[in-house]
Structures are given as C-alpha cells and as structure tokens.
Amino acid sequence: MRVTIEEVEKIASLSMLSLTDEKKQMLQKNLDEILAHAEKLNELDTEGVEPTSYILKQQNVVREDIPGKVWERDDMLKNAPEREDGCFVVPKVVD
C-alpha cells in the first residue's frame, strides 16, 4: 500500500500542520515504511497463539486512599497572578 501526497496533505491538515514539499515527501516515505512493516506482521502465523492486550503480566499497585489537608480556596488563589469569580484565569491554549 502506497501513501499518496494527497493523503499526507490530509493528515497534515487534520493535524493543523503546515508542511513544505520536502517534508511531505519525507513523511510519505516514512508512512510507506511503517505500513510496509505492518503488512509484514500480517504474514506471521498466529495459529494457536492466545490473544493478549499486553505482553507483560501487569499488576496494579495501589495505596490506601487517605484524605489529606483540605486547602481553602482563598489560600490557593492568593498566589494566582489573575483570578475571576473564585477561579484561576489562565491563557487560552486551544482555538
């Protein structure tokens, strides 16, 4: 499967990236290599192999949930450079 420049442009657009023609060609080559590797994985004989979601045995390590000190809102807000209606005001990061 070959990735087209149009597909690279679509991915860049969805990611809100602006790419030069050189970068588009580089990304196209990289995506082609990734997909070629994925196709090789399809050739593996997995007959009789138990499906897994994670290859290592994993165990959650949990601690007792003990409530700590309760901070008063006014105490927390006194260090805020800007506040409004009892909340921190932060710069907008998403359009």
N, C-alpha and C. Protein backbone atom coordinates (compact mmCIF):
# COMPACT_ATOMS: atom_id res chain seq x y z
N MET A 1 0.86 -1.19 0.00
CA MET A 1 0.00 0.00 0.00
C MET A 1 0.89 1.24 0.00
N ARG A 2 0.64 2.13 -0.90
CA ARG A 2 1.45 3.34 -1.03
C ARG A 2 0.62 4.54 -0.58
N VAL A 3 1.22 5.38 0.25
CA VAL A 3 0.57 6.60 0.73
C VAL A 3 0.79 7.69 -0.31
N THR A 4 -0.28 8.38 -0.67
CA THR A 4 -0.16 9.45 -1.66
C THR A 4 0.14 10.78 -0.97
N ILE A 5 0.64 11.73 -1.77
CA ILE A 5 0.90 13.07 -1.25
C ILE A 5 -0.41 13.70 -0.77
N GLU A 6 -1.51 13.40 -1.46
CA GLU A 6 -2.82 13.93 -1.05
C GLU A 6 -3.20 13.43 0.34
N GLU A 7 -2.90 12.17 0.62
CA GLU A 7 -3.19 11.62 1.95
C GLU A 7 -2.31 12.26 3.01
N VAL A 8 -1.05 12.51 2.67
CA VAL A 8 -0.15 13.20 3.59
C VAL A 8 -0.68 14.60 3.87
N GLU A 9 -1.14 15.30 2.83
CA GLU A 9 -1.70 16.65 3.00
C GLU A 9 -2.95 16.61 3.86
N LYS A 10 -3.78 15.59 3.69
CA LYS A 10 -4.99 15.45 4.51
C LYS A 10 -4.62 15.24 5.98
N ILE A 11 -3.65 14.37 6.23
CA ILE A 11 -3.19 14.12 7.60
C ILE A 11 -2.64 15.41 8.20
N ALA A 12 -1.84 16.13 7.42
CA ALA A 12 -1.26 17.39 7.90
C ALA A 12 -2.36 18.40 8.21
N SER A 13 -3.36 18.46 7.36
CA SER A 13 -4.47 19.39 7.56
C SER A 13 -5.24 19.04 8.84
N LEU A 14 -5.54 17.77 9.03
CA LEU A 14 -6.25 17.34 10.24
C LEU A 14 -5.43 17.61 11.49
N SER A 15 -4.11 17.56 11.35
CA SER A 15 -3.21 17.81 12.48
C SER A 15 -2.87 19.29 12.61
N MET A 16 -3.44 20.10 11.73
CA MET A 16 -3.19 21.55 11.70
C MET A 16 -1.70 21.84 11.56
N LEU A 17 -1.04 21.09 10.64
CA LEU A 17 0.37 21.28 10.36
C LEU A 17 0.55 21.88 8.98
N SER A 18 1.54 22.71 8.85
CA SER A 18 1.92 23.28 7.57
C SER A 18 3.25 22.65 7.18
N LEU A 19 3.27 21.91 6.07
CA LEU A 19 4.47 21.19 5.66
C LEU A 19 5.00 21.69 4.33
N THR A 20 6.32 21.74 4.23
CA THR A 20 6.94 22.05 2.95
C THR A 20 6.83 20.82 2.06
N ASP A 21 7.06 20.99 0.75
CA ASP A 21 7.02 19.85 -0.16
C ASP A 21 8.04 18.80 0.24
N GLU A 22 9.20 19.25 0.70
CA GLU A 22 10.25 18.33 1.13
C GLU A 22 9.79 17.49 2.33
N LYS A 23 9.14 18.15 3.29
CA LYS A 23 8.64 17.44 4.48
C LYS A 23 7.52 16.47 4.10
N LYS A 24 6.67 16.87 3.16
CA LYS A 24 5.59 15.98 2.71
C LYS A 24 6.15 14.70 2.12
N GLN A 25 7.20 14.85 1.29
CA GLN A 25 7.82 13.67 0.67
C GLN A 25 8.48 12.79 1.72
N MET A 26 9.13 13.42 2.71
CA MET A 26 9.76 12.66 3.78
C MET A 26 8.71 11.90 4.59
N LEU A 27 7.60 12.57 4.90
CA LEU A 27 6.53 11.93 5.66
C LEU A 27 5.89 10.80 4.85
N GLN A 28 5.73 11.02 3.56
CA GLN A 28 5.18 9.98 2.69
C GLN A 28 6.07 8.73 2.73
N LYS A 29 7.38 8.92 2.62
CA LYS A 29 8.33 7.81 2.67
C LYS A 29 8.25 7.10 4.02
N ASN A 30 8.22 7.86 5.10
CA ASN A 30 8.15 7.27 6.44
C ASN A 30 6.87 6.47 6.64
N LEU A 31 5.74 7.02 6.20
CA LEU A 31 4.47 6.31 6.34
C LEU A 31 4.45 5.04 5.50
N ASP A 32 5.04 5.10 4.30
CA ASP A 32 5.14 3.90 3.45
C ASP A 32 5.92 2.80 4.17
N GLU A 33 7.04 3.18 4.81
CA GLU A 33 7.86 2.20 5.53
C GLU A 33 7.10 1.60 6.71
N ILE A 34 6.36 2.43 7.42
CA ILE A 34 5.58 1.95 8.57
C ILE A 34 4.51 0.97 8.10
N LEU A 35 3.80 1.32 7.04
CA LEU A 35 2.74 0.44 6.54
C LEU A 35 3.32 -0.85 5.97
N ALA A 36 4.50 -0.78 5.34
CA ALA A 36 5.14 -1.99 4.82
C ALA A 36 5.49 -2.93 5.97
N HIS A 37 5.96 -2.37 7.07
CA HIS A 37 6.28 -3.19 8.24
C HIS A 37 5.01 -3.82 8.81
N ALA A 38 3.93 -3.05 8.86
CA ALA A 38 2.67 -3.58 9.36
C ALA A 38 2.18 -4.72 8.47
N GLU A 39 2.38 -4.60 7.16
CA GLU A 39 1.98 -5.67 6.24
C GLU A 39 2.79 -6.94 6.51
N LYS A 40 4.08 -6.79 6.85
CA LYS A 40 4.89 -7.96 7.18
C LYS A 40 4.32 -8.68 8.39
N LEU A 41 3.81 -7.92 9.35
CA LEU A 41 3.22 -8.53 10.54
C LEU A 41 2.01 -9.39 10.19
N ASN A 42 1.30 -9.01 9.12
CA ASN A 42 0.14 -9.80 8.68
C ASN A 42 0.54 -11.18 8.19
N GLU A 43 1.82 -11.36 7.82
CA GLU A 43 2.29 -12.64 7.31
C GLU A 43 2.61 -13.63 8.43
N LEU A 44 2.68 -13.17 9.66
CA LEU A 44 3.03 -14.05 10.78
C LEU A 44 1.95 -15.10 11.01
N ASP A 45 2.41 -16.31 11.32
CA ASP A 45 1.48 -17.39 11.65
C ASP A 45 1.13 -17.26 13.13
N THR A 46 -0.10 -16.90 13.41
CA THR A 46 -0.55 -16.72 14.79
C THR A 46 -1.52 -17.82 15.21
N GLU A 47 -1.55 -18.89 14.44
CA GLU A 47 -2.43 -20.01 14.76
C GLU A 47 -2.07 -20.58 16.13
N GLY A 48 -3.03 -20.67 17.02
CA GLY A 48 -2.81 -21.22 18.35
C GLY A 48 -2.20 -20.25 19.34
N VAL A 49 -1.99 -19.02 18.95
CA VAL A 49 -1.43 -18.02 19.86
C VAL A 49 -2.58 -17.31 20.56
N GLU A 50 -2.54 -17.33 21.88
CA GLU A 50 -3.59 -16.70 22.68
C GLU A 50 -3.53 -15.17 22.52
N PRO A 51 -4.65 -14.52 22.20
CA PRO A 51 -4.64 -13.05 22.09
C PRO A 51 -4.29 -12.40 23.43
N THR A 52 -3.52 -11.34 23.37
CA THR A 52 -3.16 -10.59 24.58
C THR A 52 -3.33 -9.11 24.32
N SER A 53 -3.56 -8.37 25.38
CA SER A 53 -3.63 -6.92 25.23
C SER A 53 -2.33 -6.28 25.68
N TYR A 54 -1.53 -7.03 26.45
CA TYR A 54 -0.26 -6.51 26.93
C TYR A 54 0.67 -7.70 27.12
N ILE A 55 1.89 -7.62 26.66
CA ILE A 55 2.76 -8.80 26.65
C ILE A 55 3.33 -9.15 28.02
N LEU A 56 3.36 -8.20 28.93
CA LEU A 56 3.91 -8.46 30.26
C LEU A 56 2.78 -8.61 31.27
N LYS A 57 2.99 -9.49 32.24
CA LYS A 57 1.99 -9.60 33.31
C LYS A 57 2.08 -8.32 34.13
N GLN A 58 0.95 -7.69 34.28
CA GLN A 58 0.94 -6.40 34.96
C GLN A 58 -0.02 -6.46 36.14
N GLN A 59 0.41 -5.86 37.22
CA GLN A 59 -0.42 -5.84 38.42
C GLN A 59 -0.48 -4.40 38.91
N ASN A 60 -1.68 -3.95 39.19
CA ASN A 60 -1.82 -2.59 39.71
C ASN A 60 -1.28 -2.51 41.12
N VAL A 61 -0.54 -1.45 41.37
CA VAL A 61 -0.04 -1.18 42.71
C VAL A 61 -0.84 -0.01 43.23
N VAL A 62 -1.59 -0.26 44.29
CA VAL A 62 -2.46 0.79 44.82
C VAL A 62 -2.10 1.08 46.26
N ARG A 63 -2.44 2.25 46.69
CA ARG A 63 -2.21 2.63 48.08
C ARG A 63 -3.55 2.97 48.70
N GLU A 64 -3.58 3.01 50.00
CA GLU A 64 -4.80 3.35 50.70
C GLU A 64 -5.14 4.81 50.41
N ASP A 65 -6.39 5.07 50.16
CA ASP A 65 -6.85 6.43 49.85
C ASP A 65 -7.16 7.15 51.16
N ILE A 66 -6.19 7.95 51.61
CA ILE A 66 -6.34 8.68 52.87
C ILE A 66 -6.45 10.16 52.55
N PRO A 67 -7.54 10.81 52.95
CA PRO A 67 -7.67 12.24 52.69
C PRO A 67 -6.57 13.03 53.38
N GLY A 68 -6.05 14.04 52.68
CA GLY A 68 -5.02 14.90 53.25
C GLY A 68 -5.59 16.24 53.66
N LYS A 69 -4.71 17.20 53.76
CA LYS A 69 -5.11 18.54 54.17
C LYS A 69 -6.06 19.14 53.13
N VAL A 70 -7.08 19.80 53.60
CA VAL A 70 -8.02 20.49 52.71
C VAL A 70 -7.60 21.95 52.64
N TRP A 71 -7.32 22.41 51.43
CA TRP A 71 -6.89 23.79 51.23
C TRP A 71 -8.11 24.69 51.03
N GLU A 72 -8.08 25.83 51.64
CA GLU A 72 -9.14 26.82 51.44
C GLU A 72 -8.92 27.51 50.10
N ARG A 73 -10.01 27.79 49.40
CA ARG A 73 -9.92 28.40 48.09
C ARG A 73 -9.16 29.72 48.15
N ASP A 74 -9.46 30.56 49.12
CA ASP A 74 -8.79 31.86 49.21
C ASP A 74 -7.28 31.71 49.41
N ASP A 75 -6.87 30.70 50.17
CA ASP A 75 -5.43 30.45 50.36
C ASP A 75 -4.76 30.08 49.04
N MET A 76 -5.43 29.26 48.24
CA MET A 76 -4.85 28.87 46.96
C MET A 76 -4.83 30.03 45.98
N LEU A 77 -5.88 30.83 45.97
CA LEU A 77 -5.99 31.90 44.99
C LEU A 77 -5.09 33.10 45.29
N LYS A 78 -4.60 33.21 46.50
CA LYS A 78 -3.79 34.40 46.79
C LYS A 78 -2.46 34.38 46.04
N ASN A 79 -2.02 33.23 45.54
CA ASN A 79 -0.80 33.14 44.73
C ASN A 79 -1.08 33.27 43.24
N ALA A 80 -2.34 33.32 42.85
CA ALA A 80 -2.68 33.40 41.43
C ALA A 80 -2.42 34.80 40.89
N PRO A 81 -1.71 34.89 39.76
CA PRO A 81 -1.48 36.21 39.18
C PRO A 81 -2.78 36.85 38.69
N GLU A 82 -3.74 36.00 38.30
CA GLU A 82 -5.02 36.52 37.82
C GLU A 82 -6.13 35.57 38.25
N ARG A 83 -7.23 36.12 38.74
CA ARG A 83 -8.35 35.30 39.18
C ARG A 83 -9.66 36.00 38.84
N GLU A 84 -10.70 35.20 38.75
CA GLU A 84 -12.02 35.75 38.42
C GLU A 84 -13.08 34.82 38.99
N ASP A 85 -14.03 35.37 39.72
CA ASP A 85 -15.14 34.61 40.30
C ASP A 85 -14.65 33.39 41.10
N GLY A 86 -13.58 33.54 41.85
CA GLY A 86 -13.08 32.46 42.68
C GLY A 86 -12.35 31.37 41.92
N CYS A 87 -11.91 31.67 40.68
CA CYS A 87 -11.21 30.67 39.86
C CYS A 87 -9.92 31.26 39.32
N PHE A 88 -8.96 30.39 39.00
CA PHE A 88 -7.74 30.81 38.33
C PHE A 88 -8.08 31.22 36.90
N VAL A 89 -7.44 32.26 36.40
CA VAL A 89 -7.56 32.65 34.99
C VAL A 89 -6.25 32.26 34.33
N VAL A 90 -6.35 31.46 33.26
CA VAL A 90 -5.16 31.00 32.55
C VAL A 90 -5.27 31.39 31.08
N PRO A 91 -4.14 31.47 30.38
CA PRO A 91 -4.19 31.82 28.96
C PRO A 91 -4.93 30.75 28.15
N LYS A 92 -5.61 31.18 27.11
CA LYS A 92 -6.30 30.26 26.22
C LYS A 92 -5.26 29.46 25.44
N VAL A 93 -5.41 28.14 25.38
CA VAL A 93 -4.44 27.31 24.68
C VAL A 93 -5.03 26.58 23.48
N VAL A 94 -6.34 26.57 23.33
CA VAL A 94 -6.99 25.90 22.22
C VAL A 94 -7.93 26.88 21.54
N ASP A 95 -7.86 26.91 20.21
CA ASP A 95 -8.77 27.79 19.45
C ASP A 95 -10.16 27.23 19.44
